[in-house]
Amino acid sequence: MSVPRLTHQVSPAIPLHPSRGTGGGTVSGSRWRSGGLLSGVDIRAGTAADAVAEQRRLTERDRWVIEVLAEHRVLTAEEVSVLGFDSLARARRRLRLLHERGVLARFRRCVRPGSLPWRYTLGPVGEALHAAATGTGMPRPAKVAEKIARLAESPTLDHLLATNRFFVALIGAARVRPGCGLAQWWSARRTAETTGEYVRPDGYGHWYDTTGGGQREVRFFLEYDRGRENLATVLGKLDRYHAMTAAAVNHPVLFVFCSPAREQHFRAQALRAGWPGTLRIATTTDNRYLRRGADRGPGCTGLGADPTAREPGRAPAGDRREHTDPAARIWLPLRGGAGPGTAPVGQPGPGGNQPPRSALIDLDADPEPPHRVGFQNSAAGVDLRV
């Protein structure tokens, strides 16, 4: 089997070129099921002996799936297919097989009528395989089952799903944009290992574009806002990003909002507070990169650019929305005022017209970053200045 064809990695060590229940669950037989009011959890029991047996059966792509889920915790079959399969049907078949063997577990929320797609995460065998590969302690199956149940009912699950969906959509864009790709995608947990002294972004990415004859690139932090925090709290994060510039890290901070009104209110309040200063900030809304008709909740099915579009990054004929991927011209940089009586650059003018939005690759073309002096987390072994 060939390696997935992505030019994407989640960390320096992981290259990716490529029913409603009735209460608590118990481990018994071959399946652990739980639910609560919102979700059904389906976990096949597994032992260390099962993990040893699986090592002989796993393909290279199976090991890749385990690594990706260990890093990003939860993905749908569609998202996995965008990352490393040629078709959704093939991804579903493989994930279903890995689930039956206990390598993966799955859960989904029940809605009426019907249900949302399964979300896949590591099962008991998968956790044991990952522990063996990384030299960490072997987890007990009961602890793994508890961890999965907590994830399924977590109040931050929708935020995690939305954040992962953004990066998967970006990788999907690379599949229809020759010469472009996502070189790195770090989870919030991995990013915090390096930036946690200052701020805890929802993720870190490194996008490159070689279509102009040379290689251009932009490294960025992601802040995904689902409207659950008041804007004062969101604006407070800018102080922490500004403090990090003293450590020679001044990558663009991308804010994705749940609605145009929320985006406009953030921009207006940020300008009144004197931002961006030396920070590089850009904003957009998630409906600009999810295809029309897509579920923007946790069951999203409109990932990335549509390969049937007339050109990469543009919606199919008949769709009035202009863009369908996060790399396209959907970003509105935040810039300071241009003088008394004039609208700040990047804000609506007197007629209410918005200025042109920028492509992702253009967001690193603003001021030169500060002098690059030592900002490195020795425990994480990475340096975001590079």
Protein backbone atom coordinates (compact mmCIF):
# COMPACT_ATOMS: atom_id res chain seq x y z
CA MET A 1 0.00 0.00 0.00
CA SER A 2 1.31 3.41 -0.86
CA VAL A 3 1.79 6.14 1.69
CA PRO A 4 -0.96 8.84 1.80
CA ARG A 5 -0.01 11.50 -0.68
CA LEU A 6 -0.14 14.55 1.54
CA THR A 7 2.57 17.12 2.14
CA HIS A 8 1.35 17.66 5.67
CA GLN A 9 2.71 16.84 9.08
CA VAL A 10 1.20 17.19 12.52
CA SER A 11 4.56 17.38 14.25
CA PRO A 12 8.23 17.04 13.37
CA ALA A 13 7.97 13.34 14.28
CA ILE A 14 4.86 12.50 12.24
CA PRO A 15 5.29 13.01 8.48
CA LEU A 16 2.03 12.75 6.60
CA HIS A 17 3.10 13.03 2.98
CA PRO A 18 0.28 12.05 2.54
CA SER A 19 -28.19 5.41 20.21
CA ARG A 20 -29.28 7.09 22.99
CA GLY A 21 -28.15 5.21 26.10
CA THR A 22 -29.64 4.58 29.48
CA GLY A 23 -26.75 5.49 31.71
CA GLY A 24 -23.18 4.52 32.40
CA GLY A 25 -21.43 1.80 30.44
CA THR A 26 -19.41 -1.23 31.47
CA VAL A 27 -16.75 -3.29 29.73
CA SER A 28 -18.22 -6.67 28.88
CA GLY A 29 -17.92 -9.07 25.99
CA SER A 30 -16.57 -7.47 22.85
CA ARG A 31 -18.25 -4.08 23.07
CA TRP A 32 -18.54 -1.23 25.56
CA ARG A 33 -21.53 1.01 24.98
CA SER A 34 -22.58 4.13 26.78
CA GLY A 35 -24.69 7.08 26.06
CA GLY A 36 -26.26 9.59 28.33
CA LEU A 37 -28.76 11.92 26.72
CA LEU A 38 -26.60 13.18 23.89
CA SER A 39 -24.24 10.54 22.58
CA GLY A 40 -23.72 6.87 21.85
CA VAL A 41 -20.22 5.48 22.40
CA ASP A 42 -19.15 2.26 20.69
CA ILE A 43 -15.90 0.74 21.99
CA ARG A 44 -14.67 -2.77 21.23
CA ALA A 45 -12.76 -4.20 24.15
CA GLY A 46 -9.10 -5.06 23.63
CA THR A 47 -6.09 -6.31 25.57
CA ALA A 48 -2.32 -6.00 25.33
CA ALA A 49 -2.31 -9.36 23.56
CA ASP A 50 -4.68 -7.93 20.96
CA ALA A 51 -2.29 -5.02 20.43
CA VAL A 52 0.60 -7.41 19.86
CA ALA A 53 -1.46 -9.35 17.32
CA GLU A 54 -2.48 -6.12 15.57
CA GLN A 55 1.13 -5.10 15.02
CA ARG A 56 1.42 -7.85 12.42
CA ARG A 57 -1.74 -6.78 10.60
CA LEU A 58 -1.46 -3.00 10.53
CA THR A 59 -0.65 -1.31 7.24
CA GLU A 60 1.47 1.80 7.00
CA ARG A 61 -1.66 3.87 6.53
CA ASP A 62 -3.27 2.26 9.60
CA ARG A 63 -0.29 3.41 11.67
CA TRP A 64 -0.66 6.86 10.15
CA VAL A 65 -4.34 6.97 11.20
CA ILE A 66 -3.33 6.06 14.76
CA GLU A 67 -0.73 8.85 14.84
CA VAL A 68 -3.14 11.45 13.49
CA LEU A 69 -5.85 10.55 15.99
CA ALA A 70 -3.33 10.49 18.84
CA GLU A 71 -2.45 14.08 17.93
CA HIS A 72 -5.87 15.51 17.03
CA ARG A 73 -8.10 13.21 19.13
CA VAL A 74 -11.22 12.98 16.97
CA LEU A 75 -12.06 13.00 13.25
CA THR A 76 -14.96 11.94 11.05
CA ALA A 77 -14.63 9.44 8.22
CA GLU A 78 -14.95 12.27 5.71
CA GLU A 79 -12.12 14.19 7.33
CA VAL A 80 -9.87 11.12 7.33
CA SER A 81 -10.71 10.57 3.66
CA VAL A 82 -9.65 14.16 2.83
CA LEU A 83 -6.38 13.66 4.70
CA GLY A 84 -5.22 10.39 3.22
CA PHE A 85 -7.67 8.35 1.13
CA ASP A 86 -8.78 8.45 -2.49
CA SER A 87 -12.47 8.04 -1.66
CA LEU A 88 -14.87 8.40 1.23
CA ALA A 89 -16.16 4.84 0.73
CA ARG A 90 -12.66 3.41 1.09
CA ALA A 91 -12.00 5.48 4.22
CA ARG A 92 -15.26 4.33 5.78
CA ARG A 93 -14.50 0.67 5.10
CA ARG A 94 -11.04 0.89 6.63
CA LEU A 95 -12.17 2.83 9.69
CA ARG A 96 -15.02 0.38 10.23
CA LEU A 97 -12.57 -2.52 10.10
CA LEU A 98 -10.16 -0.85 12.53
CA HIS A 99 -13.09 -0.20 14.85
CA GLU A 100 -14.16 -3.85 14.75
CA ARG A 101 -10.63 -4.85 15.78
CA GLY A 102 -10.60 -2.41 18.71
CA VAL A 103 -7.95 -0.14 17.20
CA LEU A 104 -10.47 2.70 16.96
CA ALA A 105 -13.56 3.61 18.94
CA ARG A 106 -16.42 5.78 17.74
CA PHE A 107 -19.25 7.88 19.05
CA ARG A 108 -21.95 10.16 17.75
CA ARG A 109 -24.67 12.39 19.05
CA CYS A 110 -28.24 11.40 18.59
CA VAL A 111 -30.60 13.86 16.97
CA ARG A 112 -34.23 13.55 15.99
CA PRO A 113 -34.71 12.42 13.32
CA GLY A 114 -31.60 10.40 12.49
CA SER A 115 -28.11 10.82 13.91
CA LEU A 116 -24.86 12.62 13.15
CA PRO A 117 -21.87 10.89 11.52
CA TRP A 118 -19.60 8.74 13.65
CA ARG A 119 -16.60 10.46 15.19
CA TYR A 120 -13.54 8.24 15.39
CA THR A 121 -10.91 8.25 18.12
CA LEU A 122 -8.36 5.75 19.44
CA GLY A 123 -9.79 2.62 21.04
CA PRO A 124 -8.11 0.40 23.66
CA VAL A 125 -5.94 -1.41 21.11
CA GLY A 126 -5.04 1.82 19.33
CA GLU A 127 -4.05 3.49 22.59
CA ALA A 128 -1.86 0.48 23.45
CA LEU A 129 -0.22 0.57 20.03
CA HIS A 130 0.46 4.29 20.33
CA ALA A 131 1.91 3.82 23.83
CA ALA A 132 4.21 1.10 22.53
CA ALA A 133 5.34 3.28 19.63
CA THR A 134 6.07 6.30 21.84
CA GLY A 135 7.48 4.50 24.86
CA THR A 136 4.79 5.73 27.25
CA GLY A 137 2.91 3.75 29.89
CA MET A 138 0.44 1.14 28.70
CA PRO A 139 -3.12 2.38 29.37
CA ARG A 140 -5.75 0.22 31.06
CA PRO A 141 -8.81 -0.51 28.86
CA ALA A 142 -11.20 0.83 31.50
CA LYS A 143 -9.28 4.13 31.59
CA VAL A 144 -9.40 4.35 27.81
CA ALA A 145 -13.16 3.76 27.86
CA GLU A 146 -13.59 6.51 30.45
CA LYS A 147 -11.44 8.87 28.40
CA ILE A 148 -13.55 8.27 25.28
CA ALA A 149 -16.82 8.74 27.16
CA ARG A 150 -15.57 12.03 28.57
CA LEU A 151 -14.56 13.18 25.11
CA ALA A 152 -17.97 12.27 23.69
CA GLU A 153 -19.73 14.37 26.35
CA SER A 154 -17.14 17.14 26.58
CA PRO A 155 -18.53 20.70 26.48
CA THR A 156 -15.55 21.65 24.30
CA LEU A 157 -16.09 18.86 21.75
CA ASP A 158 -17.80 21.11 19.20
CA HIS A 159 -14.92 23.57 19.45
CA LEU A 160 -12.38 20.80 18.88
CA LEU A 161 -14.36 19.47 15.91
CA ALA A 162 -14.62 22.94 14.38
CA THR A 163 -10.90 23.56 14.81
CA ASN A 164 -9.99 20.24 13.21
CA ARG A 165 -12.46 20.95 10.42
CA PHE A 166 -10.62 24.19 9.58
CA PHE A 167 -7.29 22.44 9.11
CA VAL A 168 -8.81 19.54 7.20
CA ALA A 169 -10.49 22.05 4.89
CA LEU A 170 -7.09 23.66 4.34
CA ILE A 171 -5.57 20.31 3.43
CA GLY A 172 -8.54 19.69 1.14
CA ALA A 173 -7.74 23.00 -0.57
CA ALA A 174 -4.19 21.80 -1.23
CA ARG A 175 -5.57 18.83 -3.17
CA VAL A 176 -6.99 21.18 -5.80
CA ARG A 177 -4.19 23.77 -5.60
CA PRO A 178 -1.03 22.31 -7.21
CA GLY A 179 2.09 23.68 -5.58
CA CYS A 180 0.38 24.45 -2.26
CA GLY A 181 0.25 22.50 0.95
CA LEU A 182 0.07 22.46 4.72
CA ALA A 183 3.58 21.69 5.95
CA GLN A 184 2.61 21.56 9.63
CA TRP A 185 -0.56 21.26 11.67
CA TRP A 186 -0.25 21.25 15.42
CA SER A 187 -3.06 20.60 17.86
CA ALA A 188 -3.83 23.03 20.67
CA ARG A 189 -2.08 20.70 23.11
CA ARG A 190 1.15 20.53 21.09
CA THR A 191 1.13 24.27 20.40
CA ALA A 192 0.71 24.98 24.11
CA GLU A 193 3.89 23.00 24.82
CA THR A 194 5.74 25.83 23.09
CA THR A 195 3.56 28.91 23.60
CA GLY A 196 1.81 28.05 26.87
CA GLU A 197 3.92 30.51 28.83
CA TYR A 198 2.21 33.28 26.87
CA VAL A 199 -0.97 32.09 25.15
CA ARG A 200 -2.82 28.91 24.21
CA PRO A 201 -3.98 29.05 20.58
CA ASP A 202 -6.42 26.54 19.13
CA GLY A 203 -3.76 25.39 16.68
CA TYR A 204 -0.67 26.29 14.68
CA GLY A 205 -0.20 25.87 10.94
CA HIS A 206 2.43 26.39 8.25
CA TRP A 207 1.05 26.93 4.73
CA TYR A 208 3.25 27.21 1.64
CA ASP A 209 2.66 28.20 -1.98
CA THR A 210 5.11 27.60 -4.83
CA THR A 211 2.86 28.68 -7.70
CA GLY A 212 4.64 31.99 -8.27
CA GLY A 213 7.99 30.51 -9.22
CA GLY A 214 9.48 30.67 -5.72
CA GLN A 215 8.26 29.39 -2.38
CA ARG A 216 6.13 31.67 -0.24
CA GLU A 217 4.99 30.58 3.19
CA VAL A 218 2.98 31.76 6.16
CA ARG A 219 3.06 30.40 9.68
CA PHE A 220 0.01 31.24 11.76
CA PHE A 221 -1.86 30.70 14.99
CA LEU A 222 -5.58 29.91 14.88
CA GLU A 223 -8.26 31.23 17.22
CA TYR A 224 -11.65 29.67 16.50
CA ASP A 225 -14.50 31.63 18.08
CA ARG A 226 -17.88 29.94 18.39
CA GLY A 227 -19.53 32.87 20.17
CA ARG A 228 -19.42 31.26 23.63
CA GLU A 229 -17.12 33.89 25.18
CA ASN A 230 -17.80 37.58 25.49
CA LEU A 231 -15.72 39.74 23.19
CA ALA A 232 -13.81 41.27 26.09
CA THR A 233 -12.39 37.81 26.81
CA VAL A 234 -11.49 37.30 23.15
CA LEU A 235 -9.81 40.69 22.98
CA GLY A 236 -7.86 39.84 26.13
CA LYS A 237 -5.99 37.19 24.15
CA LEU A 238 -4.38 39.94 22.08
CA ASP A 239 -2.45 41.15 25.12
CA ARG A 240 -0.91 37.71 25.49
CA TYR A 241 -0.03 37.47 21.81
CA HIS A 242 1.57 40.92 22.07
CA ALA A 243 3.65 39.76 25.03
CA MET A 244 4.92 36.88 22.91
CA THR A 245 6.33 39.28 20.30
CA ALA A 246 9.03 40.14 22.83
CA ALA A 247 10.20 36.55 22.43
CA ALA A 248 10.55 37.06 18.66
CA VAL A 249 7.35 35.21 17.73
CA ASN A 250 4.96 37.36 15.71
CA HIS A 251 3.14 35.06 13.34
CA PRO A 252 -0.26 36.19 12.06
CA VAL A 253 -3.17 35.36 14.37
CA LEU A 254 -6.20 34.15 12.41
CA PHE A 255 -9.62 34.60 14.02
CA VAL A 256 -12.48 32.53 12.60
CA PHE A 257 -15.90 33.71 13.75
CA CYS A 258 -19.30 32.05 13.67
CA SER A 259 -21.10 35.00 12.04
CA PRO A 260 -20.34 38.21 10.11
CA ALA A 261 -21.86 40.29 12.91
CA ARG A 262 -19.52 38.74 15.45
CA GLU A 263 -16.57 39.41 13.16
CA GLN A 264 -17.55 43.06 12.68
CA HIS A 265 -18.05 43.64 16.41
CA PHE A 266 -14.65 42.13 17.19
CA ARG A 267 -12.94 44.29 14.61
CA ALA A 268 -14.62 47.47 15.83
CA GLN A 269 -13.77 46.81 19.48
CA ALA A 270 -10.19 45.82 18.64
CA LEU A 271 -9.62 49.08 16.77
CA ARG A 272 -11.13 51.12 19.58
CA ALA A 273 -8.72 49.37 21.97
CA GLY A 274 -5.74 50.38 19.81
CA TRP A 275 -5.04 47.07 18.10
CA PRO A 276 -3.37 45.67 16.09
CA GLY A 277 -0.23 47.63 17.00
CA THR A 278 2.67 45.39 16.00
CA LEU A 279 0.47 42.30 15.83
CA ARG A 280 -0.69 40.82 12.55
CA ILE A 281 -4.36 39.91 12.84
CA ALA A 282 -6.81 38.71 10.19
CA THR A 283 -10.44 37.66 10.50
CA THR A 284 -13.00 35.62 8.59
CA THR A 285 -16.18 33.60 9.16
CA ASP A 286 -16.52 29.85 8.82
CA ASN A 287 -19.29 30.10 6.23
CA ARG A 288 -16.72 31.48 3.79
CA TYR A 289 -14.90 28.16 3.50
CA LEU A 290 -17.68 25.63 4.12
CA ARG A 291 -19.64 24.80 1.00
CA ARG A 292 -23.23 25.93 0.70
CA GLY A 293 -25.59 23.44 2.28
CA ALA A 294 -22.89 22.10 4.59
CA ASP A 295 -23.74 21.47 8.21
CA ARG A 296 -21.66 24.03 10.10
CA GLY A 297 -22.19 22.15 13.34
CA PRO A 298 -20.25 19.09 14.43
CA GLY A 299 -21.68 17.05 11.57
CA CYS A 300 -20.16 19.23 8.85
CA THR A 301 -19.95 17.62 5.43
CA GLY A 302 -18.71 20.55 3.34
CA LEU A 303 -14.96 20.33 3.75
CA GLY A 304 -12.62 22.45 1.73
CA ALA A 305 -12.65 23.30 -1.93
CA ASP A 306 -14.98 21.52 -4.32
CA PRO A 307 -12.96 19.73 -7.05
CA THR A 308 -15.85 20.45 -9.47
CA ALA A 309 -15.46 24.17 -9.04
CA ARG A 310 -14.59 26.26 -12.07
CA GLU A 311 -11.20 27.11 -10.55
CA PRO A 312 -9.44 26.28 -7.28
CA GLY A 313 -10.81 28.18 -4.33
CA ARG A 314 -14.01 29.25 -6.06
CA ALA A 315 -17.48 27.86 -5.60
CA PRO A 316 -19.30 25.92 -8.33
CA ALA A 317 -21.41 27.79 -10.85
CA GLY A 318 -24.67 28.92 -9.35
CA ASP A 319 -23.28 29.35 -5.84
CA ARG A 320 -23.35 33.04 -4.98
CA ARG A 321 -20.63 32.65 -2.37
CA GLU A 322 -17.25 33.41 -3.86
CA HIS A 323 -14.88 31.20 -1.85
CA THR A 324 -14.88 27.67 -0.55
CA ASP A 325 -11.52 27.10 1.10
CA PRO A 326 -9.46 28.71 3.88
CA ALA A 327 -6.51 29.48 1.58
CA ALA A 328 -8.59 31.71 -0.71
CA ARG A 329 -9.22 35.45 -0.44
CA ILE A 330 -11.44 35.25 2.63
CA TRP A 331 -9.18 36.99 5.18
CA LEU A 332 -9.63 40.61 6.26
CA PRO A 333 -6.45 41.99 7.88
CA LEU A 334 -6.94 44.32 10.83
CA ARG A 335 -5.05 47.57 10.36
CA GLY A 336 -4.97 50.87 12.25
CA GLY A 337 -6.76 54.12 11.43
CA ALA A 338 -5.79 56.31 8.51
CA GLY A 339 -6.51 59.63 10.22
CA PRO A 340 -9.47 61.57 11.66
CA GLY A 341 -12.72 61.27 9.75
CA THR A 342 -11.60 58.32 7.63
CA ALA A 343 -12.44 54.67 7.98
CA PRO A 344 -9.55 52.52 9.22
CA VAL A 345 -7.92 50.39 6.57
CA GLY A 346 -9.64 47.03 6.51
CA GLN A 347 -12.94 48.46 7.79
CA PRO A 348 -16.10 49.44 5.87
CA GLY A 349 -16.06 52.93 4.40
CA PRO A 350 -18.94 55.44 4.52
CA GLY A 351 -20.81 53.49 1.86
CA GLY A 352 -20.53 50.26 3.83
CA ASN A 353 -18.39 48.47 1.21
CA GLN A 354 -15.78 46.09 2.49
CA PRO A 355 -12.24 46.33 1.07
CA PRO A 356 -10.88 43.31 -0.83
CA ARG A 357 -10.02 40.35 1.33
CA SER A 358 -6.60 38.68 1.24
CA ALA A 359 -5.49 35.15 0.51
CA LEU A 360 -3.90 33.18 3.33
CA ILE A 361 -0.46 33.27 1.72
CA ASP A 362 -0.54 37.09 1.61
CA LEU A 363 -0.96 37.48 5.37
CA ASP A 364 2.76 37.18 6.11
CA ALA A 365 3.70 40.03 3.79
CA ASP A 366 3.13 42.78 6.37
CA PRO A 367 5.85 44.24 8.61
CA GLU A 368 9.13 42.42 9.14
CA PRO A 369 9.06 40.30 12.32
CA PRO A 370 11.16 41.45 15.27
CA HIS A 371 14.74 40.32 15.69
CA ARG A 372 14.68 36.56 16.12
CA VAL A 373 16.20 35.72 19.47
CA GLY A 374 15.89 32.54 21.48
CA PHE A 375 12.33 31.37 21.86
CA GLN A 376 12.42 27.62 22.10
CA ASN A 377 10.76 25.10 24.35
CA SER A 378 13.33 22.41 25.04
CA ALA A 379 10.70 19.94 26.20
CA ALA A 380 8.76 20.21 22.95
CA GLY A 381 11.97 20.35 20.92
CA VAL A 382 10.57 22.85 18.43
CA ASP A 383 11.21 26.44 17.51
CA LEU A 384 8.40 28.54 16.06
CA ARG A 385 10.77 31.26 14.88
CA VAL A 386 12.01 29.24 11.90
